[in-house]
């Protein structure tokens, strides 16, 4: 992008008072109140659902690997929505919300890091399903608590490191005035559109982040499910095949939704960028997907249902006592 016509060029390092403005859904001002209450209700339900799942996992003394990963996933989703949605609600309430450079960089970093950690968790859960279906006799020995903890920790640390590198590369660019981000949060493509100079370093950093945080976990998930598919071809019993498939279907559905949205936003030609379309897709993976985890995935898990029933029973006994 040429620097001609820009009112000013500022580097992040030189502008403590520098700030961006998140335009949000400024083109839908007539629907602002309705959208605010819809997003608020979805946000509160998402927080309640993921908090319930997380507390149910924490209160369970014996946690199988899938239950452990579900608790981690709910914690990631809680942080994910808290990073994005409150600022988006503020933007809807006031019709455009200012955000400092530091605030924008922090939001971008945590958004990318938590999204990457989620991808690695989905890969770990796919590996768990592979071991459960393909090596059931060795499941307890292979999927110990130590391995689960190491997988979750390695994914989180790796995602945070990659996100930090990407955020630094983006915010080293000079930005043109006016600094209006046509989005409801500081997403990478939306911020890159404001750069005055051609940001090859930032483009390469974004490509590297996509490879490490999206492509690598996706290949691991794909490899796990290819092995599961091969194993299921050897199962002659329809009941056994159906039982094995039912343990994977929820994970597959959420994975496809998550990766479908992420691929559309980040792995595509820069010329096809459309702010309005991107905002709609972003709404799905920042609001709808986190809502679906407790409703579609976790609540289908028999261990989660059993724990929730025990929690409700304890509450009833406490109320009667």
Protein backbone atom coordinates (compact mmCIF):
# COMPACT_ATOMS: atom_id res chain seq x y z
CA UNK A 1 0.00 0.00 0.00
CA UNK A 2 1.39 3.43 -0.95
CA UNK A 3 1.99 6.09 1.65
CA UNK A 4 0.59 8.83 -0.64
CA UNK A 5 -2.49 10.56 0.65
CA UNK A 6 -1.79 9.55 4.22
CA UNK A 7 -2.13 12.42 6.64
CA UNK A 8 0.58 11.04 8.88
CA UNK A 9 2.94 8.15 9.44
CA UNK A 10 3.65 7.01 12.98
CA UNK A 11 5.48 4.09 14.39
CA UNK A 12 4.11 2.29 17.44
CA UNK A 13 7.25 3.10 19.35
CA UNK A 14 6.77 6.85 18.90
CA UNK A 15 3.11 7.25 19.74
CA UNK A 16 2.06 6.68 23.31
CA UNK A 17 -1.07 8.74 22.58
CA UNK A 18 -1.68 6.90 19.33
CA UNK A 19 -4.91 4.95 19.18
CA UNK A 20 -7.21 3.13 16.80
CA UNK A 21 -10.99 3.25 16.52
CA UNK A 22 -12.92 0.01 16.20
CA UNK A 23 -15.84 0.79 13.89
CA UNK A 24 -17.67 -2.43 14.76
CA UNK A 25 -21.05 -2.53 13.02
CA UNK A 26 -21.29 1.21 12.35
CA UNK A 27 -23.04 0.49 9.04
CA UNK A 28 -25.92 -1.11 10.99
CA UNK A 29 -26.69 1.74 13.37
CA UNK A 30 -30.44 1.18 13.02
CA UNK A 31 -30.00 -2.35 14.40
CA UNK A 32 -27.49 -1.40 17.09
CA UNK A 33 -29.76 -1.96 20.10
CA UNK A 34 -31.06 -5.29 18.80
CA UNK A 35 -27.54 -6.53 17.98
CA UNK A 36 -26.27 -5.41 21.39
CA UNK A 37 -28.86 -7.47 23.26
CA UNK A 38 -28.42 -10.51 20.99
CA UNK A 39 -24.64 -10.47 21.48
CA UNK A 40 -25.01 -9.86 25.21
CA UNK A 41 -27.36 -12.83 25.66
CA UNK A 42 -25.14 -15.12 23.55
CA UNK A 43 -22.09 -13.94 25.53
CA UNK A 44 -23.72 -14.59 28.91
CA UNK A 45 -24.95 -18.04 27.84
CA UNK A 46 -21.48 -18.87 26.49
CA UNK A 47 -19.83 -17.79 29.76
CA UNK A 48 -22.34 -19.75 31.83
CA UNK A 49 -22.03 -22.92 29.72
CA UNK A 50 -18.23 -22.97 29.61
CA UNK A 51 -17.95 -22.06 33.30
CA UNK A 52 -20.30 -24.91 34.16
CA UNK A 53 -18.23 -27.39 32.14
CA UNK A 54 -14.94 -26.12 33.60
CA UNK A 55 -16.23 -26.30 37.19
CA UNK A 56 -17.66 -29.77 36.58
CA UNK A 57 -14.24 -31.00 35.38
CA UNK A 58 -12.36 -29.30 38.25
CA UNK A 59 -14.68 -30.84 40.86
CA UNK A 60 -14.23 -34.36 39.47
CA UNK A 61 -11.35 -36.10 41.33
CA UNK A 62 -10.73 -38.78 38.67
CA UNK A 63 -10.49 -37.24 35.21
CA UNK A 64 -10.06 -39.37 32.07
CA UNK A 65 -7.99 -37.70 29.31
CA UNK A 66 -10.97 -36.50 27.23
CA UNK A 67 -12.50 -34.90 30.32
CA UNK A 68 -9.18 -33.17 31.07
CA UNK A 69 -9.03 -31.77 27.51
CA UNK A 70 -12.67 -30.63 27.72
CA UNK A 71 -11.85 -28.66 30.86
CA UNK A 72 -8.86 -27.05 29.12
CA UNK A 73 -10.99 -26.26 26.08
CA UNK A 74 -13.68 -24.60 28.21
CA UNK A 75 -11.03 -22.49 29.95
CA UNK A 76 -9.63 -21.40 26.57
CA UNK A 77 -13.13 -20.52 25.32
CA UNK A 78 -13.83 -18.47 28.46
CA UNK A 79 -10.66 -16.42 27.93
CA UNK A 80 -11.29 -16.24 24.17
CA UNK A 81 -14.73 -14.65 24.53
CA UNK A 82 -13.60 -12.31 27.32
CA UNK A 83 -10.80 -10.99 25.09
CA UNK A 84 -13.13 -10.17 22.18
CA UNK A 85 -16.78 -9.73 23.17
CA UNK A 86 -16.74 -6.99 25.88
CA UNK A 87 -14.98 -4.53 23.53
CA UNK A 88 -17.36 -5.50 20.71
CA UNK A 89 -20.35 -4.83 22.99
CA UNK A 90 -18.88 -1.44 23.92
CA UNK A 91 -18.42 -0.66 20.23
CA UNK A 92 -22.08 -1.47 19.61
CA UNK A 93 -23.22 0.57 22.59
CA UNK A 94 -21.39 3.78 21.63
CA UNK A 95 -21.17 3.34 17.84
CA UNK A 96 -17.40 2.96 17.55
CA UNK A 97 -14.90 2.35 20.32
CA UNK A 98 -11.36 3.81 20.65
CA UNK A 99 -8.58 1.40 21.61
CA UNK A 100 -4.95 2.23 22.38
CA UNK A 101 -2.10 0.72 20.40
CA UNK A 102 -1.06 -1.32 23.44
CA UNK A 103 -4.66 -2.45 23.96
CA UNK A 104 -5.01 -3.40 20.30
CA UNK A 105 -1.71 -5.32 20.29
CA UNK A 106 -2.65 -7.10 23.52
CA UNK A 107 -6.05 -8.08 22.15
CA UNK A 108 -4.51 -9.35 18.91
CA UNK A 109 -1.85 -11.34 20.77
CA UNK A 110 -4.28 -13.07 23.10
CA UNK A 111 -6.79 -13.71 20.32
CA UNK A 112 -4.17 -15.42 18.11
CA UNK A 113 -2.57 -17.24 21.06
CA UNK A 114 -5.86 -18.60 22.41
CA UNK A 115 -7.03 -19.56 18.92
CA UNK A 116 -3.74 -21.41 18.35
CA UNK A 117 -3.94 -23.12 21.74
CA UNK A 118 -7.44 -24.27 20.80
CA UNK A 119 -6.14 -25.78 17.54
CA UNK A 120 -3.46 -27.72 19.43
CA UNK A 121 -6.05 -28.90 21.97
CA UNK A 122 -8.26 -30.16 19.14
CA UNK A 123 -5.21 -32.02 17.78
CA UNK A 124 -4.54 -33.56 21.22
CA UNK A 125 -8.18 -34.63 21.46
CA UNK A 126 -7.96 -36.21 17.99
CA UNK A 127 -4.88 -38.16 19.16
CA UNK A 128 -6.83 -39.25 22.24
CA UNK A 129 -9.63 -40.58 19.98
CA UNK A 130 -7.04 -42.35 17.81
CA UNK A 131 -5.54 -44.17 20.81
CA UNK A 132 -9.02 -45.02 22.18
CA UNK A 133 -10.21 -46.52 18.87
CA UNK A 134 -6.99 -47.97 17.41
CA UNK A 135 -5.14 -49.05 20.57
CA UNK A 136 -7.82 -49.55 23.24
CA UNK A 137 -5.77 -52.06 25.27
CA UNK A 138 -2.90 -49.58 25.63
CA UNK A 139 -5.11 -46.53 26.18
CA UNK A 140 -4.60 -46.22 29.94
CA UNK A 141 -0.82 -46.65 29.59
CA UNK A 142 -0.41 -44.23 26.67
CA UNK A 143 -2.81 -41.46 27.73
CA UNK A 144 -1.56 -40.84 31.24
CA UNK A 145 -2.14 -37.62 33.16
CA UNK A 146 1.47 -36.52 32.61
CA UNK A 147 1.22 -36.80 28.81
CA UNK A 148 -2.10 -34.91 28.74
CA UNK A 149 -0.61 -32.11 30.82
CA UNK A 150 2.50 -31.92 28.61
CA UNK A 151 0.40 -31.82 25.42
CA UNK A 152 -1.79 -29.00 26.75
CA UNK A 153 1.18 -27.03 28.09
CA UNK A 154 3.28 -27.43 24.93
CA UNK A 155 0.36 -26.31 22.75
CA UNK A 156 -0.33 -23.24 24.90
CA UNK A 157 3.33 -22.14 25.13
CA UNK A 158 3.90 -22.71 21.41
CA UNK A 159 0.78 -20.74 20.48
CA UNK A 160 1.70 -17.83 22.77
CA UNK A 161 5.24 -17.68 21.31
CA UNK A 162 3.99 -17.68 17.69
CA UNK A 163 1.32 -15.07 18.52
CA UNK A 164 3.93 -12.81 20.12
CA UNK A 165 6.12 -12.93 17.01
CA UNK A 166 3.16 -12.17 14.73
CA UNK A 167 1.95 -9.27 16.90
CA UNK A 168 5.42 -7.68 17.02
CA UNK A 169 5.75 -7.99 13.22
CA UNK A 170 2.36 -6.32 12.65
CA UNK A 171 2.85 -3.43 15.08
CA UNK A 172 6.32 -2.57 13.81
CA UNK A 173 4.63 -1.26 10.66
CA UNK A 174 3.82 2.46 10.21
CA UNK A 175 0.08 3.16 10.15
CA UNK A 176 -1.77 5.83 8.17
CA UNK A 177 -4.36 8.25 9.46
CA UNK A 178 -7.27 7.88 10.02
CA UNK A 179 -6.72 4.73 12.04
CA UNK A 180 -10.23 3.29 11.78
CA UNK A 181 -10.37 -0.50 11.98
CA UNK A 182 -13.41 -1.75 10.08
CA UNK A 183 -13.98 -4.61 12.50
CA UNK A 184 -15.24 -5.24 16.03
CA UNK A 185 -11.82 -6.34 17.32
CA UNK A 186 -8.14 -6.04 16.34
CA UNK A 187 -7.98 -8.89 13.87
CA UNK A 188 -4.74 -9.29 11.91
CA UNK A 189 -6.08 -8.72 8.34
CA UNK A 190 -8.12 -5.68 9.44
CA UNK A 191 -5.11 -4.03 11.15
CA UNK A 192 -2.77 -4.83 8.23
CA UNK A 193 -5.12 -2.89 5.93
CA UNK A 194 -4.14 0.31 7.77
CA UNK A 195 -0.39 -0.09 7.14
CA UNK A 196 1.18 2.69 5.05
CA UNK A 197 4.06 0.52 3.83
CA UNK A 198 4.19 -2.91 2.23
CA UNK A 199 4.66 -5.21 5.21
CA UNK A 200 6.49 -8.22 3.83
CA UNK A 201 7.76 -9.12 7.31
CA UNK A 202 4.21 -9.02 8.68
CA UNK A 203 2.90 -11.02 5.70
CA UNK A 204 5.59 -13.66 6.23
CA UNK A 205 4.86 -13.71 9.98
CA UNK A 206 1.15 -14.23 9.24
CA UNK A 207 1.98 -17.05 6.81
CA UNK A 208 4.27 -18.70 9.38
CA UNK A 209 1.58 -18.36 12.07
CA UNK A 210 -1.01 -19.97 9.75
CA UNK A 211 1.35 -22.88 9.04
CA UNK A 212 2.24 -23.44 12.71
CA UNK A 213 -1.13 -22.75 14.34
CA UNK A 214 -3.56 -23.92 11.66
CA UNK A 215 -1.91 -26.24 9.16
CA UNK A 216 0.26 -28.26 11.57
CA UNK A 217 -2.56 -29.14 14.04
CA UNK A 218 -4.91 -29.80 11.10
CA UNK A 219 -2.46 -32.30 9.59
CA UNK A 220 -2.18 -34.03 12.98
CA UNK A 221 -5.99 -34.20 13.24
CA UNK A 222 -6.24 -35.49 9.67
CA UNK A 223 -3.61 -38.18 10.32
CA UNK A 224 -5.44 -39.30 13.48
CA UNK A 225 -8.78 -39.61 11.70
CA UNK A 226 -7.27 -41.39 8.70
CA UNK A 227 -5.90 -44.00 11.11
CA UNK A 228 -9.31 -44.21 12.82
CA UNK A 229 -11.06 -44.64 9.44
CA UNK A 230 -8.66 -47.45 8.46
CA UNK A 231 -9.24 -49.13 11.83
CA UNK A 232 -13.04 -48.87 11.48
CA UNK A 233 -12.90 -50.57 8.07
CA UNK A 234 -11.67 -53.67 9.87
CA UNK A 235 -14.56 -53.63 12.38
CA UNK A 236 -17.23 -56.06 11.20
CA UNK A 237 -19.80 -55.34 13.90
CA UNK A 238 -22.12 -52.40 12.99
CA UNK A 239 -22.66 -51.77 16.72
CA UNK A 240 -18.93 -51.51 17.39
CA UNK A 241 -18.39 -49.29 14.36
CA UNK A 242 -21.29 -47.03 15.35
CA UNK A 243 -20.01 -46.74 18.94
CA UNK A 244 -16.51 -45.79 17.75
CA UNK A 245 -17.91 -43.28 15.27
CA UNK A 246 -20.18 -41.66 17.89
CA UNK A 247 -17.15 -40.90 20.09
CA UNK A 248 -15.63 -38.87 17.23
CA UNK A 249 -18.57 -37.12 15.55
CA UNK A 250 -18.85 -34.18 17.97
CA UNK A 251 -15.11 -33.50 17.85
CA UNK A 252 -15.18 -33.69 14.04
CA UNK A 253 -18.12 -31.26 13.77
CA UNK A 254 -16.50 -28.63 15.99
CA UNK A 255 -13.12 -29.06 14.29
CA UNK A 256 -14.62 -28.54 10.82
CA UNK A 257 -16.49 -25.42 11.96
CA UNK A 258 -13.44 -23.96 13.66
CA UNK A 259 -11.09 -24.68 10.76
CA UNK A 260 -13.62 -23.65 8.13
CA UNK A 261 -13.90 -20.15 9.59
CA UNK A 262 -10.19 -19.77 10.30
CA UNK A 263 -9.23 -20.92 6.79
CA UNK A 264 -11.67 -18.48 5.21
CA UNK A 265 -10.24 -15.54 7.16
CA UNK A 266 -6.50 -16.23 7.11
CA UNK A 267 -5.64 -18.60 4.26
CA UNK A 268 -6.78 -16.77 1.13
CA UNK A 269 -5.57 -14.12 -1.34
CA UNK A 270 -5.24 -10.63 0.16
CA UNK A 271 -7.25 -9.19 -2.77
CA UNK A 272 -10.37 -11.07 -1.65
CA UNK A 273 -10.54 -9.22 1.69
CA UNK A 274 -14.05 -7.90 2.44
CA UNK A 275 -14.65 -6.17 5.80
CA UNK A 276 -18.39 -6.84 5.87
CA UNK A 277 -18.02 -10.52 5.00
CA UNK A 278 -15.11 -10.99 7.41
CA UNK A 279 -17.10 -9.53 10.27
CA UNK A 280 -19.94 -11.99 9.68
CA UNK A 281 -17.55 -14.98 9.61
CA UNK A 282 -15.72 -13.62 12.68
CA UNK A 283 -19.04 -13.51 14.52
CA UNK A 284 -19.36 -17.26 13.99
CA UNK A 285 -16.00 -18.24 15.48
CA UNK A 286 -15.97 -15.64 18.27
CA UNK A 287 -19.61 -16.06 19.37
CA UNK A 288 -21.33 -19.11 17.88
CA UNK A 289 -18.50 -21.66 18.12
CA UNK A 290 -17.72 -20.97 21.83
CA UNK A 291 -21.46 -21.30 22.52
CA UNK A 292 -21.61 -24.64 20.72
CA UNK A 293 -18.79 -26.29 22.69
CA UNK A 294 -20.81 -26.78 25.90
CA UNK A 295 -24.12 -27.30 24.06
CA UNK A 296 -23.07 -29.66 21.29
CA UNK A 297 -19.81 -31.26 22.38
CA UNK A 298 -19.34 -31.33 26.13
CA UNK A 299 -22.95 -32.06 27.06
CA UNK A 300 -22.89 -35.10 24.73
CA UNK A 301 -20.06 -36.54 26.80
CA UNK A 302 -21.39 -39.13 29.25
CA UNK A 303 -18.82 -38.24 31.93
CA UNK A 304 -19.83 -34.57 31.79
CA UNK A 305 -23.53 -35.47 31.98
CA UNK A 306 -22.85 -37.70 34.98
CA UNK A 307 -20.87 -34.99 36.80
CA UNK A 308 -23.56 -32.37 36.11
CA UNK A 309 -26.25 -34.71 37.45
CA UNK A 310 -24.17 -35.19 40.63
CA UNK A 311 -23.76 -31.41 40.99
CA UNK A 312 -27.52 -30.85 40.62
CA UNK A 313 -28.20 -33.62 43.13
CA UNK A 314 -25.85 -32.01 45.67
CA UNK A 315 -27.56 -28.64 45.17
CA UNK A 316 -31.00 -30.17 45.74
CA UNK A 317 -29.79 -31.94 48.90
CA UNK A 318 -28.19 -28.69 50.11
CA UNK A 319 -31.41 -26.75 49.45
CA UNK A 320 -33.52 -29.33 51.30
CA UNK A 321 -31.04 -29.39 54.22
